[in-house]
Amino acid sequence: MATKHKTAGPVVPLFVDRYFIHWYKADVKGKSCEDHCIPQHSNRICVTTLTESHPVLQSGKTMKSIPCQISTNCSRLQNKVSGKCKRGAQFLTELAPLCKIYCSDGEAYTVSSCVRGCSMEVIENILHKPSILQEKPSTEGYIAVELPKFEESKNITEGLLTQKQYKEVMVKMDNCTTF
C-alpha cells in the first residue's frame, strides 16, 4: 500500500514581515552588539524589538527582571494615552531608555527608543514573562510601541539601517553573531 507524502505549501510570512518595514540601529549608545530593530508600519507606528545579535538573545542568558522605572519620577508603565491627539503620552527621544533588562549573570542592558515620538505603550507581557523576549523576539516579544510626530515621520529613519545595510554591517563584525 503506497502512502502519499504531503508536500508543504508555501510558507506564509509573519504579520510583522508582511506589514512592517524593518529598520535597524547598530551598537546603540556605542555598546557593541547591542542592536535594536525598529519595525515601522505604513501608518507611522514603530515598534522596538531586539535583534537576534543582541547579547540578551545570545548565549542562553536568563533574564531576571525588566523594570520600566527609568528614574524616581519616570516610569514607562505610567504612560496613559487617550484620545485622537494621544494626550498623556510620554515623549521619547532617540536615546530615551524604555526599560532595563537584568540578567542572572549580573549583566544589565538598557533598551532605547531609537526613534523620536510618543510612547504608546510598553508591553507588559515581557514584565511578567521576560523569557518571551528570547522565545519570540520579533512577534510577541517586542518591547514598546511608539508614534512619531506626523511632521517628523519622514525623517525618523535617518540614522537607521535598512535590513540589507544591517546584514552588511553584521558580516563585517566578528564579535557579533549574524542572522
Protein backbone atom coordinates (compact mmCIF):
# COMPACT_ATOMS: atom_id res chain seq x y z
CA MET A 1 0.00 0.00 0.00
CA ALA A 2 1.56 3.25 -1.11
CA THR A 3 1.44 6.28 1.13
CA LYS A 4 1.16 9.76 -0.19
CA HIS A 5 3.54 12.35 1.17
CA LYS A 6 2.07 15.74 1.66
CA THR A 7 4.27 18.50 0.44
CA ALA A 8 4.49 21.63 2.45
CA GLY A 9 2.66 24.54 0.92
CA PRO A 10 4.13 27.98 0.54
CA VAL A 11 5.40 29.47 3.78
CA VAL A 12 3.24 32.39 4.82
CA PRO A 13 5.35 35.30 6.11
CA LEU A 14 4.76 36.55 9.63
CA PHE A 15 2.43 39.51 10.15
CA VAL A 16 5.43 41.66 11.10
CA ASP A 17 7.24 40.72 7.89
CA ARG A 18 4.20 41.45 5.70
CA TYR A 19 3.12 44.82 7.05
CA PHE A 20 6.24 46.40 8.56
CA ILE A 21 9.48 47.75 7.11
CA HIS A 22 12.37 46.72 9.36
CA TRP A 23 14.90 49.38 10.35
CA TYR A 24 17.97 48.70 12.48
CA LYS A 25 20.14 50.64 14.90
CA ALA A 26 23.54 49.01 15.40
CA ASP A 27 25.60 49.48 18.56
CA VAL A 28 23.05 51.63 20.39
CA LYS A 29 24.82 54.23 22.55
CA GLY A 30 28.16 52.86 21.33
CA LYS A 31 27.73 49.48 23.03
CA SER A 32 28.97 46.69 20.78
CA CYS A 33 26.34 44.23 19.54
CA GLU A 34 23.50 45.92 21.47
CA ASP A 35 21.45 46.32 18.32
CA HIS A 36 17.76 47.18 18.10
CA CYS A 37 15.23 46.52 15.35
CA ILE A 38 12.50 49.05 14.69
CA PRO A 39 9.70 47.67 12.51
CA GLN A 40 7.65 50.55 11.06
CA HIS A 41 4.08 50.19 9.83
CA SER A 42 2.73 52.25 6.94
CA ASN A 43 0.64 54.24 9.45
CA ARG A 44 3.92 55.57 11.07
CA ILE A 45 3.71 53.39 14.16
CA CYS A 46 7.08 51.97 15.18
CA VAL A 47 7.81 49.01 17.41
CA THR A 48 11.04 48.48 19.33
CA THR A 49 12.49 44.97 19.47
CA LEU A 50 15.89 43.40 19.99
CA THR A 51 17.86 41.98 17.08
CA GLU A 52 18.97 38.37 17.01
CA SER A 53 22.56 39.53 17.57
CA HIS A 54 21.75 41.29 20.87
CA PRO A 55 23.63 39.76 23.84
CA VAL A 56 20.35 39.03 25.67
CA LEU A 57 19.29 36.71 22.85
CA GLN A 58 22.71 35.09 22.55
CA SER A 59 24.47 32.51 24.69
CA GLY A 60 21.38 31.38 26.58
CA LYS A 61 21.22 34.21 29.09
CA THR A 62 18.48 34.06 31.69
CA MET A 63 16.61 37.29 32.33
CA LYS A 64 15.69 38.08 35.92
CA SER A 65 13.64 41.22 35.51
CA ILE A 66 12.73 44.01 33.11
CA PRO A 67 11.82 47.13 35.09
CA CYS A 68 10.37 50.13 33.26
CA GLN A 69 11.13 52.54 36.12
CA ILE A 70 13.55 54.92 34.39
CA SER A 71 14.03 57.30 37.35
CA THR A 72 12.28 58.07 40.61
CA ASN A 73 9.76 60.26 38.77
CA CYS A 74 9.52 58.42 35.45
CA SER A 75 8.03 55.03 34.77
CA ARG A 76 7.11 53.91 31.27
CA LEU A 77 4.19 52.00 32.79
CA GLN A 78 2.58 55.27 33.97
CA ASN A 79 2.05 56.23 30.34
CA LYS A 80 -1.71 56.83 29.95
CA VAL A 81 -2.58 57.61 26.34
CA SER A 82 -6.08 58.74 25.41
CA GLY A 83 -7.95 60.34 22.55
CA LYS A 84 -7.20 61.19 18.97
CA CYS A 85 -4.32 63.51 19.89
CA LYS A 86 -2.76 60.84 22.14
CA ARG A 87 -2.92 63.00 25.25
CA GLY A 88 -0.83 61.84 28.17
CA ALA A 89 1.75 60.04 26.04
CA GLN A 90 5.36 60.36 27.15
CA PHE A 91 7.59 61.98 24.52
CA LEU A 92 10.71 59.99 23.69
CA THR A 93 13.96 61.00 22.02
CA GLU A 94 16.12 58.59 20.02
CA LEU A 95 18.21 57.72 23.09
CA ALA A 96 15.39 57.66 25.65
CA PRO A 97 15.50 54.48 27.75
CA LEU A 98 12.42 52.28 27.57
CA CYS A 99 13.43 49.65 30.10
CA LYS A 100 16.41 47.84 31.53
CA ILE A 101 16.98 44.10 31.22
CA TYR A 102 18.69 42.45 34.16
CA CYS A 103 20.18 39.01 33.57
CA SER A 104 21.00 36.34 36.14
CA ASP A 105 24.74 36.64 35.37
CA GLY A 106 24.70 40.24 36.71
CA GLU A 107 24.72 41.94 33.30
CA ALA A 108 22.25 44.76 32.63
CA TYR A 109 21.19 46.10 29.23
CA THR A 110 19.29 49.32 28.55
CA VAL A 111 16.78 49.26 25.71
CA SER A 112 16.43 52.65 24.00
CA SER A 113 13.65 54.01 21.83
CA CYS A 114 15.78 54.73 18.71
CA VAL A 115 13.03 56.98 17.28
CA ARG A 116 11.61 60.37 18.31
CA GLY A 117 7.95 60.25 19.14
CA CYS A 118 5.26 59.48 21.70
CA SER A 119 5.30 56.28 23.67
CA MET A 120 2.01 54.49 23.02
CA GLU A 121 2.69 51.55 25.32
CA VAL A 122 5.31 49.34 26.90
CA ILE A 123 4.35 45.73 26.52
CA GLU A 124 3.53 44.32 29.93
CA ASN A 125 3.79 40.69 28.74
CA ILE A 126 7.58 40.93 28.92
CA LEU A 127 7.40 42.20 32.51
CA HIS A 128 5.51 39.12 33.68
CA LYS A 129 7.32 36.64 31.44
CA PRO A 130 10.76 38.02 30.43
CA SER A 131 11.65 34.83 28.56
CA ILE A 132 9.18 35.83 25.80
CA LEU A 133 11.91 38.20 24.53
CA GLN A 134 14.08 35.17 23.77
CA GLU A 135 11.30 32.87 22.61
CA LYS A 136 9.53 35.27 20.22
CA PRO A 137 11.69 38.41 19.81
CA SER A 138 10.14 39.60 16.54
CA THR A 139 6.47 38.89 17.30
CA GLU A 140 5.15 38.80 20.88
CA GLY A 141 8.49 39.78 22.43
CA TYR A 142 8.50 43.37 21.32
CA ILE A 143 9.24 45.98 23.95
CA ALA A 144 7.37 49.17 23.12
CA VAL A 145 5.18 50.92 20.56
CA GLU A 146 5.98 54.49 19.54
CA LEU A 147 4.21 57.01 17.31
CA PRO A 148 6.47 59.61 15.66
CA LYS A 149 5.16 63.13 15.19
CA PHE A 150 3.42 63.48 11.83
CA GLU A 151 5.74 66.24 10.63
CA GLU A 152 8.81 64.17 11.59
CA SER A 153 7.54 60.84 10.27
CA LYS A 154 9.54 61.02 7.03
CA ASN A 155 12.77 61.76 8.89
CA ILE A 156 12.61 59.13 11.62
CA THR A 157 14.58 56.62 9.60
CA GLU A 158 17.61 58.91 9.32
CA GLY A 159 20.44 57.22 11.16
CA LEU A 160 18.76 53.82 10.91
CA LEU A 161 19.90 50.99 8.65
CA THR A 162 17.84 49.00 6.17
CA GLN A 163 17.82 45.22 6.53
CA LYS A 164 20.37 44.91 3.70
CA GLN A 165 22.68 47.53 5.22
CA TYR A 166 22.40 45.89 8.64
CA LYS A 167 23.34 42.48 7.23
CA GLU A 168 26.40 44.07 5.60
CA VAL A 169 27.41 45.62 8.93
CA MET A 170 26.94 42.29 10.71
CA VAL A 171 29.11 40.47 8.16
CA LYS A 172 31.93 42.93 8.88
CA MET A 173 31.58 42.47 12.65
CA ASP A 174 33.48 39.50 14.03
CA ASN A 175 32.26 39.61 17.63
CA CYS A 176 28.50 39.57 16.93
CA THR A 177 26.51 36.62 15.69
CA THR A 178 24.81 37.27 12.37
CA PHE A 179 21.35 36.12 11.38
